[in-house]
Protein backbone atom coordinates (compact mmCIF):
# COMPACT_ATOMS: atom_id res chain seq x y z
CA UNK A 1 0.00 0.00 0.00
CA UNK A 2 1.32 3.45 -0.83
CA UNK A 3 1.14 6.55 1.34
CA UNK A 4 -2.51 7.49 1.37
CA UNK A 5 -5.12 8.90 3.65
CA UNK A 6 -7.73 6.57 5.09
CA UNK A 7 -11.19 7.25 6.44
CA UNK A 8 -12.24 6.73 10.03
CA UNK A 9 -14.42 3.86 8.78
CA UNK A 10 -11.42 2.16 7.18
CA UNK A 11 -9.50 2.55 10.44
CA UNK A 12 -12.41 1.09 12.41
CA UNK A 13 -12.52 -1.94 10.10
CA UNK A 14 -8.78 -2.40 10.55
CA UNK A 15 -8.98 -2.17 14.35
CA UNK A 16 -12.04 -4.43 14.46
CA UNK A 17 -10.16 -7.07 12.44
CA UNK A 18 -7.75 -7.49 15.34
CA UNK A 19 -4.73 -6.92 13.10
CA UNK A 20 -1.60 -5.62 14.80
CA UNK A 21 -0.85 -2.23 13.29
CA UNK A 22 1.68 0.55 13.76
CA UNK A 23 -0.71 3.17 15.12
CA UNK A 24 0.43 6.62 16.28
CA UNK A 25 -1.53 9.39 18.04
CA UNK A 26 0.12 12.82 17.64
CA UNK A 27 -2.17 14.74 20.01
CA UNK A 28 -1.04 16.12 23.38
CA UNK A 29 -0.94 14.02 26.56
CA UNK A 30 -4.05 15.69 28.03
CA UNK A 31 -6.06 14.98 24.87
CA UNK A 32 -4.85 11.37 24.92
CA UNK A 33 -5.77 10.97 28.60
CA UNK A 34 -9.27 12.28 27.89
CA UNK A 35 -9.94 9.82 25.04
CA UNK A 36 -7.74 7.54 22.98
CA UNK A 37 -7.94 4.68 20.50
CA UNK A 38 -5.05 2.71 21.97
CA UNK A 39 -2.40 4.15 19.66
CA UNK A 40 1.17 4.93 20.73
CA UNK A 41 1.34 8.57 21.83
CA UNK A 42 4.03 10.70 20.18
CA UNK A 43 2.83 14.33 20.44
CA UNK A 44 3.50 16.36 17.30
CA UNK A 45 5.68 18.77 19.29
CA UNK A 46 8.00 15.84 20.18
CA UNK A 47 7.75 14.07 16.82
CA UNK A 48 11.07 15.12 15.28
CA UNK A 49 13.13 14.17 18.32
CA UNK A 50 11.23 10.88 18.81
CA UNK A 51 11.12 9.70 15.18
CA UNK A 52 13.89 7.20 16.00
CA UNK A 53 11.23 5.23 17.92
CA UNK A 54 9.91 4.27 14.48
CA UNK A 55 13.24 2.96 13.18
CA UNK A 56 12.76 -0.20 11.16
CA UNK A 57 9.24 0.75 10.08
CA UNK A 58 10.23 2.62 6.91
CA UNK A 59 8.58 -0.02 4.70
CA UNK A 60 5.72 -0.98 7.04
CA UNK A 61 2.26 0.55 7.19
CA UNK A 62 2.02 3.31 9.80
CA UNK A 63 -1.36 4.85 10.67
CA UNK A 64 -1.36 8.31 12.25
CA UNK A 65 -4.25 10.21 13.82
CA UNK A 66 -4.95 13.35 15.84
CA UNK A 67 -8.14 15.19 16.74
CA UNK A 68 -9.21 16.23 13.24
CA UNK A 69 -6.50 15.12 10.81
CA UNK A 70 -4.44 18.32 10.54
CA UNK A 71 -1.58 17.52 12.95
CA UNK A 72 -1.41 13.93 11.75
CA UNK A 73 -1.17 15.24 8.18
CA UNK A 74 1.91 17.23 9.18
CA UNK A 75 3.40 14.16 10.89
CA UNK A 76 2.72 12.11 7.75
CA UNK A 77 4.50 14.69 5.59
CA UNK A 78 7.49 14.63 7.94
CA UNK A 79 7.72 10.83 7.93
CA UNK A 80 7.55 10.80 4.13
CA UNK A 81 10.44 13.29 4.04
CA UNK A 82 12.42 10.86 6.24
CA UNK A 83 11.94 7.92 3.86
CA UNK A 84 8.87 6.24 5.33
CA UNK A 85 6.98 4.67 2.43
CA UNK A 86 3.60 3.52 3.80
CA UNK A 87 2.22 6.30 6.01
CA UNK A 88 -1.54 6.75 6.31
CA UNK A 89 -3.29 9.78 7.82
CA UNK A 90 -6.73 9.15 9.34
CA UNK A 91 -9.03 11.75 7.78
CA UNK A 92 -11.09 13.58 10.40
CA UNK A 93 -9.06 12.07 13.24
CA UNK A 94 -10.60 10.80 16.46
CA UNK A 95 -13.56 13.15 15.99
CA UNK A 96 -14.57 11.31 12.80
CA UNK A 97 -13.90 7.95 14.44
CA UNK A 98 -16.12 8.73 17.43
CA UNK A 99 -18.84 10.03 15.09
CA UNK A 100 -19.13 6.48 13.69
CA UNK A 101 -20.59 5.20 16.98
C-alpha atoms as a PDB file:
ATOM      1  CA  UNK A   1       0.000   0.000   0.000  1.00  0.00           C
ATOM      2  CA  UNK A   2       1.322   3.446  -0.830  1.00  0.00           C
ATOM      3  CA  UNK A   3       1.142   6.550   1.340  1.00  0.00           C
ATOM      4  CA  UNK A   4      -2.512   7.490   1.372  1.00  0.00           C
ATOM      5  CA  UNK A   5      -5.122   8.903   3.647  1.00  0.00           C
ATOM      6  CA  UNK A   6      -7.726   6.566   5.088  1.00  0.00           C
ATOM      7  CA  UNK A   7     -11.186   7.254   6.443  1.00  0.00           C
ATOM      8  CA  UNK A   8     -12.240   6.728  10.034  1.00  0.00           C
ATOM      9  CA  UNK A   9     -14.423   3.864   8.779  1.00  0.00           C
ATOM     10  CA  UNK A  10     -11.423   2.157   7.181  1.00  0.00           C
ATOM     11  CA  UNK A  11      -9.502   2.545  10.442  1.00  0.00           C
ATOM     12  CA  UNK A  12     -12.410   1.086  12.409  1.00  0.00           C
ATOM     13  CA  UNK A  13     -12.517  -1.939  10.095  1.00  0.00           C
ATOM     14  CA  UNK A  14      -8.775  -2.399  10.550  1.00  0.00           C
ATOM     15  CA  UNK A  15      -8.979  -2.165  14.349  1.00  0.00           C
ATOM     16  CA  UNK A  16     -12.045  -4.433  14.456  1.00  0.00           C
ATOM     17  CA  UNK A  17     -10.164  -7.067  12.438  1.00  0.00           C
ATOM     18  CA  UNK A  18      -7.749  -7.488  15.340  1.00  0.00           C
ATOM     19  CA  UNK A  19      -4.734  -6.916  13.102  1.00  0.00           C
ATOM     20  CA  UNK A  20      -1.602  -5.620  14.799  1.00  0.00           C
ATOM     21  CA  UNK A  21      -0.848  -2.233  13.290  1.00  0.00           C
ATOM     22  CA  UNK A  22       1.681   0.551  13.763  1.00  0.00           C
ATOM     23  CA  UNK A  23      -0.707   3.168  15.122  1.00  0.00           C
ATOM     24  CA  UNK A  24       0.433   6.619  16.282  1.00  0.00           C
ATOM     25  CA  UNK A  25      -1.529   9.390  18.035  1.00  0.00           C
ATOM     26  CA  UNK A  26       0.115  12.820  17.641  1.00  0.00           C
ATOM     27  CA  UNK A  27      -2.168  14.744  20.013  1.00  0.00           C
ATOM     28  CA  UNK A  28      -1.044  16.118  23.383  1.00  0.00           C
ATOM     29  CA  UNK A  29      -0.941  14.025  26.563  1.00  0.00           C
ATOM     30  CA  UNK A  30      -4.050  15.690  28.030  1.00  0.00           C
ATOM     31  CA  UNK A  31      -6.058  14.975  24.871  1.00  0.00           C
ATOM     32  CA  UNK A  32      -4.851  11.370  24.924  1.00  0.00           C
ATOM     33  CA  UNK A  33      -5.767  10.973  28.604  1.00  0.00           C
ATOM     34  CA  UNK A  34      -9.272  12.283  27.890  1.00  0.00           C
ATOM     35  CA  UNK A  35      -9.943   9.824  25.041  1.00  0.00           C
ATOM     36  CA  UNK A  36      -7.741   7.536  22.982  1.00  0.00           C
ATOM     37  CA  UNK A  37      -7.944   4.679  20.502  1.00  0.00           C
ATOM     38  CA  UNK A  38      -5.046   2.711  21.970  1.00  0.00           C
ATOM     39  CA  UNK A  39      -2.397   4.153  19.661  1.00  0.00           C
ATOM     40  CA  UNK A  40       1.170   4.928  20.734  1.00  0.00           C
ATOM     41  CA  UNK A  41       1.336   8.569  21.834  1.00  0.00           C
ATOM     42  CA  UNK A  42       4.027  10.697  20.179  1.00  0.00           C
ATOM     43  CA  UNK A  43       2.829  14.326  20.438  1.00  0.00           C
ATOM     44  CA  UNK A  44       3.496  16.356  17.301  1.00  0.00           C
ATOM     45  CA  UNK A  45       5.685  18.767  19.294  1.00  0.00           C
ATOM     46  CA  UNK A  46       7.995  15.844  20.176  1.00  0.00           C
ATOM     47  CA  UNK A  47       7.750  14.074  16.823  1.00  0.00           C
ATOM     48  CA  UNK A  48      11.069  15.119  15.277  1.00  0.00           C
ATOM     49  CA  UNK A  49      13.130  14.168  18.325  1.00  0.00           C
ATOM     50  CA  UNK A  50      11.230  10.882  18.812  1.00  0.00           C
ATOM     51  CA  UNK A  51      11.117   9.700  15.183  1.00  0.00           C
ATOM     52  CA  UNK A  52      13.887   7.203  16.004  1.00  0.00           C
ATOM     53  CA  UNK A  53      11.230   5.230  17.917  1.00  0.00           C
ATOM     54  CA  UNK A  54       9.910   4.275  14.477  1.00  0.00           C
ATOM     55  CA  UNK A  55      13.244   2.957  13.182  1.00  0.00           C
ATOM     56  CA  UNK A  56      12.761  -0.198  11.159  1.00  0.00           C
ATOM     57  CA  UNK A  57       9.235   0.750  10.080  1.00  0.00           C
ATOM     58  CA  UNK A  58      10.232   2.623   6.911  1.00  0.00           C
ATOM     59  CA  UNK A  59       8.584  -0.022   4.701  1.00  0.00           C
ATOM     60  CA  UNK A  60       5.721  -0.977   7.038  1.00  0.00           C
ATOM     61  CA  UNK A  61       2.259   0.550   7.185  1.00  0.00           C
ATOM     62  CA  UNK A  62       2.018   3.310   9.799  1.00  0.00           C
ATOM     63  CA  UNK A  63      -1.358   4.849  10.669  1.00  0.00           C
ATOM     64  CA  UNK A  64      -1.364   8.311  12.247  1.00  0.00           C
ATOM     65  CA  UNK A  65      -4.254  10.210  13.824  1.00  0.00           C
ATOM     66  CA  UNK A  66      -4.946  13.347  15.836  1.00  0.00           C
ATOM     67  CA  UNK A  67      -8.139  15.192  16.738  1.00  0.00           C
ATOM     68  CA  UNK A  68      -9.214  16.234  13.243  1.00  0.00           C
ATOM     69  CA  UNK A  69      -6.504  15.122  10.808  1.00  0.00           C
ATOM     70  CA  UNK A  70      -4.441  18.325  10.544  1.00  0.00           C
ATOM     71  CA  UNK A  71      -1.580  17.518  12.948  1.00  0.00           C
ATOM     72  CA  UNK A  72      -1.410  13.934  11.746  1.00  0.00           C
ATOM     73  CA  UNK A  73      -1.169  15.239   8.177  1.00  0.00           C
ATOM     74  CA  UNK A  74       1.912  17.226   9.180  1.00  0.00           C
ATOM     75  CA  UNK A  75       3.403  14.163  10.892  1.00  0.00           C
ATOM     76  CA  UNK A  76       2.720  12.111   7.752  1.00  0.00           C
ATOM     77  CA  UNK A  77       4.497  14.694   5.595  1.00  0.00           C
ATOM     78  CA  UNK A  78       7.493  14.627   7.942  1.00  0.00           C
ATOM     79  CA  UNK A  79       7.717  10.826   7.925  1.00  0.00           C
ATOM     80  CA  UNK A  80       7.548  10.803   4.134  1.00  0.00           C
ATOM     81  CA  UNK A  81      10.445  13.286   4.043  1.00  0.00           C
ATOM     82  CA  UNK A  82      12.416  10.864   6.239  1.00  0.00           C
ATOM     83  CA  UNK A  83      11.942   7.915   3.859  1.00  0.00           C
ATOM     84  CA  UNK A  84       8.867   6.242   5.331  1.00  0.00           C
ATOM     85  CA  UNK A  85       6.981   4.668   2.430  1.00  0.00           C
ATOM     86  CA  UNK A  86       3.604   3.521   3.803  1.00  0.00           C
ATOM     87  CA  UNK A  87       2.223   6.299   6.009  1.00  0.00           C
ATOM     88  CA  UNK A  88      -1.542   6.747   6.309  1.00  0.00           C
ATOM     89  CA  UNK A  89      -3.293   9.778   7.818  1.00  0.00           C
ATOM     90  CA  UNK A  90      -6.734   9.149   9.344  1.00  0.00           C
ATOM     91  CA  UNK A  91      -9.030  11.754   7.779  1.00  0.00           C
ATOM     92  CA  UNK A  92     -11.085  13.583  10.396  1.00  0.00           C
ATOM     93  CA  UNK A  93      -9.057  12.068  13.236  1.00  0.00           C
ATOM     94  CA  UNK A  94     -10.596  10.800  16.455  1.00  0.00           C
ATOM     95  CA  UNK A  95     -13.564  13.149  15.990  1.00  0.00           C
ATOM     96  CA  UNK A  96     -14.570  11.315  12.797  1.00  0.00           C
ATOM     97  CA  UNK A  97     -13.899   7.950  14.444  1.00  0.00           C
ATOM     98  CA  UNK A  98     -16.122   8.728  17.434  1.00  0.00           C
ATOM     99  CA  UNK A  99     -18.843  10.032  15.086  1.00  0.00           C
ATOM    100  CA  UNK A 100     -19.125   6.481  13.688  1.00  0.00           C
ATOM    101  CA  UNK A 101     -20.594   5.204  16.977  1.00  0.00           C
END
